[in-house]
Amino acid sequence: MRFFEKLGISTVKNLSGIRQSFLFTLTIIKAILTPSNYSIASVEVLVRQVYFTAIQILPFYLFLAIIVGSAVVGVIMTIAISFGFQDKIGSIIVNVLINELAPFITVLLLALRSGTAMTTEMAVMNVSGEMNTLRFFSINPVQYLFVPRILNGILSMFLLSTMFTFVALISGYLFLALILNMGLSLYIHTIVEAFGSMDLLMIILKSLLFGYVVTAIPVYRGNKTLLVYNAIPIAVLQGMVKLFVAILLIEVLSFVRFM
């Protein structure tokens, strides 16, 4: 009886958490689609968030894109030529580099850079009473804090993953030009021919989902912190665990496209 009691309590708690997360998502979507929420103050917060999240990591990010692009494209070309899969080179590069590696590496970097910081920031503001202070002065935290950070995640995710793709493809071509003497026109034709509308849809969809979870989960979890300071590390840990579970779940679901 004690086992079933614990199981029931756990189930009710999890279902309640899912319901609250769903309602939070609906609130954020409604707020994002409401033009009146974009005041000067919230736009300034959004600009600062994009700068801290995307602009400051550009040197390391571009270096990583060059290394990954050269290595991945070089390995794909070498293996494809060795096994006689020259006609599949374009589709392999699109599926591996553009659809999978670019968004996955980007969301991991954003999670490691911004996930912990954002959860901590929201938790500290909640515990210290800053959230209540904002409400006291009739400042909506959803409009002023949540929406700019979540929009920042979506924009940063899309822009960085797109940049990663282009830099990786260019560095991959330079590697091939030096090693295999491959012409630029043939390389571009190979990529363009393999890139279809479903690939574009997948890139946009994964950028939206990854960009949302990488900021919404830290914001939501930090805002749900118990009002004691020793609960902040627990909130950060739980938020990061849930974030990485969500990232892996999205990545696994994206493989359904290939089945």
Protein backbone atom coordinates (compact mmCIF):
# COMPACT_ATOMS: atom_id res chain seq x y z
CA MET A 1 0.00 0.00 0.00
CA ARG A 2 2.86 2.38 0.79
CA PHE A 3 4.43 1.65 -2.63
CA PHE A 4 1.18 2.42 -4.47
CA GLU A 5 0.72 5.55 -2.38
CA LYS A 6 4.17 6.85 -3.36
CA LEU A 7 3.51 5.89 -6.98
CA GLY A 8 0.22 7.79 -6.98
CA ILE A 9 1.74 10.88 -5.38
CA SER A 10 4.60 10.82 -7.90
CA THR A 11 2.20 10.42 -10.82
CA VAL A 12 -0.02 13.28 -9.66
CA LYS A 13 3.01 15.50 -9.14
CA ASN A 14 4.41 14.72 -12.60
CA LEU A 15 1.05 15.30 -14.30
CA SER A 16 0.68 18.58 -12.46
CA GLY A 17 4.17 19.60 -13.57
CA ILE A 18 3.37 18.75 -17.20
CA ARG A 19 0.14 20.75 -17.00
CA GLN A 20 1.93 23.78 -15.53
CA SER A 21 4.66 23.55 -18.19
CA PHE A 22 2.01 23.41 -20.91
CA LEU A 23 0.19 26.44 -19.49
CA PHE A 24 3.52 28.29 -19.24
CA THR A 25 4.21 27.53 -22.91
CA LEU A 26 0.77 28.84 -23.92
CA THR A 27 1.36 32.00 -21.88
CA ILE A 28 4.73 32.59 -23.56
CA ILE A 29 3.35 31.99 -27.07
CA LYS A 30 0.48 34.40 -26.42
CA ALA A 31 2.90 36.99 -25.03
CA ILE A 32 5.26 36.63 -28.00
CA LEU A 33 2.39 37.13 -30.46
CA THR A 34 1.10 40.24 -28.64
CA PRO A 35 2.69 43.38 -30.20
CA SER A 36 1.94 45.55 -27.17
CA ASN A 37 4.40 43.50 -25.09
CA TYR A 38 7.35 44.86 -27.05
CA SER A 39 8.13 48.00 -25.12
CA ILE A 40 11.43 49.87 -25.33
CA ALA A 41 12.61 48.27 -22.09
CA SER A 42 11.84 44.70 -23.23
CA VAL A 43 13.52 45.28 -26.61
CA GLU A 44 16.63 46.56 -24.81
CA VAL A 45 16.65 43.41 -22.67
CA LEU A 46 16.34 41.30 -25.83
CA VAL A 47 19.27 43.07 -27.50
CA ARG A 48 21.47 42.62 -24.43
CA GLN A 49 20.53 38.96 -24.19
CA VAL A 50 21.39 38.34 -27.86
CA TYR A 51 24.74 40.07 -27.33
CA PHE A 52 25.62 37.99 -24.26
CA THR A 53 24.33 34.73 -25.72
CA ALA A 54 25.36 34.85 -29.38
CA ILE A 55 27.82 37.67 -30.07
CA GLN A 56 30.29 37.07 -27.24
CA ILE A 57 30.90 33.42 -28.19
CA LEU A 58 31.45 34.11 -31.91
CA PRO A 59 35.28 33.72 -31.95
CA PHE A 60 35.19 30.29 -30.30
CA TYR A 61 32.07 29.32 -32.23
CA LEU A 62 33.58 30.15 -35.62
CA PHE A 63 36.77 28.30 -34.73
CA LEU A 64 34.72 25.25 -33.76
CA ALA A 65 32.70 25.45 -37.00
CA ILE A 66 35.90 25.53 -39.07
CA ILE A 67 37.37 22.50 -37.28
CA VAL A 68 34.15 20.48 -37.37
CA GLY A 69 33.37 21.40 -40.97
CA SER A 70 36.82 20.44 -42.23
CA ALA A 71 36.84 17.18 -40.29
CA VAL A 72 33.28 16.06 -41.03
CA VAL A 73 33.24 16.93 -44.73
CA GLY A 74 36.70 15.45 -45.20
CA VAL A 75 35.75 12.20 -43.47
CA ILE A 76 32.46 11.93 -45.39
CA MET A 77 34.17 12.49 -48.73
CA THR A 78 36.98 10.07 -47.98
CA ILE A 79 34.65 7.27 -46.82
CA ALA A 80 32.17 7.84 -49.66
CA ILE A 81 34.89 7.69 -52.31
CA SER A 82 36.47 4.61 -50.70
CA PHE A 83 33.16 2.68 -50.74
CA GLY A 84 31.87 4.03 -54.05
CA PHE A 85 29.08 6.21 -52.63
CA GLN A 86 29.91 9.33 -54.62
CA ASP A 87 26.25 9.82 -55.58
CA LYS A 88 25.27 9.95 -51.89
CA ILE A 89 27.87 12.51 -50.78
CA GLY A 90 25.48 15.47 -50.95
CA SER A 91 22.68 13.82 -48.99
CA ILE A 92 25.14 12.55 -46.35
CA ILE A 93 26.63 16.03 -45.86
CA VAL A 94 23.16 17.62 -45.64
CA ASN A 95 21.82 15.04 -43.17
CA VAL A 96 24.91 14.79 -40.96
CA LEU A 97 26.31 18.31 -40.99
CA ILE A 98 23.36 20.61 -41.70
CA ASN A 99 20.43 18.74 -40.14
CA GLU A 100 22.15 17.15 -37.14
CA LEU A 101 25.57 18.47 -36.13
CA ALA A 102 24.98 22.20 -36.66
CA PRO A 103 21.84 22.50 -34.48
CA PHE A 104 23.01 19.91 -31.93
CA ILE A 105 26.42 21.49 -31.31
CA THR A 106 24.82 24.94 -31.19
CA VAL A 107 22.18 23.99 -28.63
CA LEU A 108 24.78 22.24 -26.45
CA LEU A 109 26.95 25.37 -26.40
CA LEU A 110 23.97 27.59 -25.61
CA ALA A 111 22.83 25.21 -22.86
CA LEU A 112 26.26 25.13 -21.25
CA ARG A 113 26.77 28.88 -21.60
CA SER A 114 23.30 30.26 -20.84
CA GLY A 115 21.28 27.46 -19.23
CA THR A 116 22.96 27.51 -15.84
CA ALA A 117 23.33 31.29 -15.77
CA MET A 118 19.69 31.88 -16.69
CA THR A 119 18.35 29.40 -14.13
CA THR A 120 20.52 30.95 -11.43
CA GLU A 121 19.47 34.49 -12.40
CA MET A 122 15.75 33.66 -12.30
CA ALA A 123 16.09 31.69 -9.06
CA VAL A 124 17.96 34.50 -7.30
CA MET A 125 15.41 37.07 -8.46
CA ASN A 126 12.60 34.85 -7.22
CA VAL A 127 14.18 34.07 -3.84
CA SER A 128 15.31 37.64 -3.18
CA GLY A 129 11.82 39.02 -3.88
CA GLU A 130 12.67 40.90 -7.08
CA MET A 131 9.83 39.16 -8.92
CA ASN A 132 7.34 40.43 -6.35
CA THR A 133 8.89 43.90 -6.56
CA LEU A 134 8.32 43.97 -10.31
CA ARG A 135 4.70 42.94 -9.82
CA PHE A 136 4.30 45.59 -7.08
CA PHE A 137 5.31 48.27 -9.59
CA SER A 138 2.91 46.78 -12.20
CA ILE A 139 5.76 45.38 -14.32
CA ASN A 140 4.81 42.05 -15.86
CA PRO A 141 7.72 39.56 -15.47
CA VAL A 142 6.48 37.63 -18.52
CA GLN A 143 6.75 40.74 -20.69
CA TYR A 144 9.94 42.18 -19.18
CA LEU A 145 11.95 39.06 -18.26
CA PHE A 146 10.62 35.88 -19.84
CA VAL A 147 9.72 36.86 -23.41
CA PRO A 148 13.03 38.66 -24.22
CA ARG A 149 15.08 35.71 -22.93
CA ILE A 150 13.06 33.09 -24.77
CA LEU A 151 13.03 35.11 -28.01
CA ASN A 152 16.77 35.50 -27.57
CA GLY A 153 17.13 31.72 -27.39
CA ILE A 154 15.13 31.19 -30.59
CA LEU A 155 16.92 33.95 -32.53
CA SER A 156 20.39 32.99 -31.29
CA MET A 157 19.78 29.32 -32.03
CA PHE A 158 18.64 29.98 -35.60
CA LEU A 159 21.35 32.54 -36.43
CA LEU A 160 24.21 30.56 -34.87
CA SER A 161 23.23 27.22 -36.40
CA THR A 162 22.87 28.89 -39.82
CA MET A 163 26.26 30.52 -39.43
CA PHE A 164 27.75 27.22 -38.28
CA THR A 165 26.40 25.52 -41.41
CA PHE A 166 27.86 28.06 -43.84
CA VAL A 167 31.25 28.26 -42.12
CA ALA A 168 31.47 24.47 -41.86
CA LEU A 169 30.59 24.02 -45.53
CA ILE A 170 33.12 26.64 -46.62
CA SER A 171 35.90 25.19 -44.47
CA GLY A 172 34.95 21.73 -45.70
CA TYR A 173 35.31 22.87 -49.30
CA LEU A 174 38.71 24.45 -48.63
CA PHE A 175 39.83 21.16 -47.12
CA LEU A 176 38.59 19.24 -50.16
CA ALA A 177 40.14 21.73 -52.58
CA LEU A 178 43.53 21.21 -50.97
CA ILE A 179 43.31 17.43 -50.58
CA LEU A 180 41.12 16.23 -53.48
CA ASN A 181 41.29 19.23 -55.86
CA MET A 182 37.48 19.35 -56.00
CA GLY A 183 35.97 22.23 -57.96
CA LEU A 184 33.72 24.80 -56.27
CA SER A 185 30.90 24.46 -58.82
CA LEU A 186 30.77 20.68 -58.35
CA TYR A 187 30.78 21.07 -54.56
CA ILE A 188 27.94 23.63 -54.60
CA HIS A 189 25.92 21.53 -57.07
CA THR A 190 26.35 18.44 -54.87
CA ILE A 191 25.03 20.26 -51.78
CA VAL A 192 22.20 22.15 -53.50
CA GLU A 193 20.96 19.06 -55.31
CA ALA A 194 20.68 17.13 -52.02
CA PHE A 195 19.06 19.98 -50.06
CA GLY A 196 15.27 19.82 -50.24
CA SER A 197 12.26 21.57 -48.74
CA MET A 198 12.01 18.97 -45.96
CA ASP A 199 15.58 19.77 -44.93
CA LEU A 200 14.74 23.47 -44.72
CA LEU A 201 11.62 22.68 -42.69
CA MET A 202 13.66 20.47 -40.35
CA ILE A 203 16.24 23.22 -39.79
CA ILE A 204 13.57 25.79 -38.94
CA LEU A 205 11.63 23.39 -36.70
CA LYS A 206 14.68 22.21 -34.76
CA SER A 207 15.90 25.80 -34.33
CA LEU A 208 12.51 26.80 -32.91
CA LEU A 209 12.31 23.82 -30.55
CA PHE A 210 15.94 23.92 -29.43
CA GLY A 211 15.87 27.71 -29.06
CA TYR A 212 12.70 27.51 -26.98
CA VAL A 213 13.74 24.75 -24.57
CA VAL A 214 17.27 26.11 -24.06
CA THR A 215 15.82 29.27 -22.51
CA ALA A 216 12.25 28.41 -21.47
CA ILE A 217 13.25 25.50 -19.20
CA PRO A 218 15.85 27.55 -17.24
CA VAL A 219 13.42 30.48 -16.97
CA TYR A 220 10.54 28.27 -15.84
CA ARG A 221 12.61 26.21 -13.40
CA GLY A 222 14.29 29.26 -11.89
CA ASN A 223 10.92 30.92 -11.38
CA LYS A 224 9.65 27.81 -9.55
CA THR A 225 12.46 27.81 -6.99
CA LEU A 226 11.48 27.51 -3.34
CA LEU A 227 11.90 30.79 -1.48
CA VAL A 228 15.11 29.78 0.33
CA TYR A 229 18.65 30.41 -0.89
CA ASN A 230 19.82 26.82 -0.46
CA ALA A 231 17.18 25.79 -3.03
CA ILE A 232 19.00 27.68 -5.80
CA PRO A 233 21.68 24.99 -6.50
CA ILE A 234 18.96 22.33 -6.54
CA ALA A 235 16.93 24.37 -9.05
CA VAL A 236 20.00 24.82 -11.26
CA LEU A 237 20.79 21.10 -11.21
CA GLN A 238 17.20 20.05 -11.89
CA GLY A 239 16.85 22.66 -14.63
CA MET A 240 19.98 21.45 -16.44
CA VAL A 241 18.91 17.81 -16.19
CA LYS A 242 15.48 18.60 -17.65
CA LEU A 243 17.09 20.75 -20.34
CA PHE A 244 19.42 18.01 -21.53
CA VAL A 245 16.58 15.46 -21.44
CA ALA A 246 14.50 17.79 -23.63
CA ILE A 247 17.41 18.29 -26.05
CA LEU A 248 17.97 14.54 -26.38
CA LEU A 249 14.23 13.94 -26.80
CA ILE A 250 14.02 16.46 -29.66
CA GLU A 251 17.11 14.96 -31.26
CA VAL A 252 15.70 11.44 -31.04
CA LEU A 253 12.32 12.52 -32.43
CA SER A 254 14.07 14.17 -35.39
CA PHE A 255 15.31 10.74 -36.45
CA VAL A 256 11.70 9.74 -37.15
CA ARG A 257 12.08 11.68 -40.39
CA PHE A 258 14.58 9.12 -41.63
CA MET A 259 12.47 6.07 -40.75
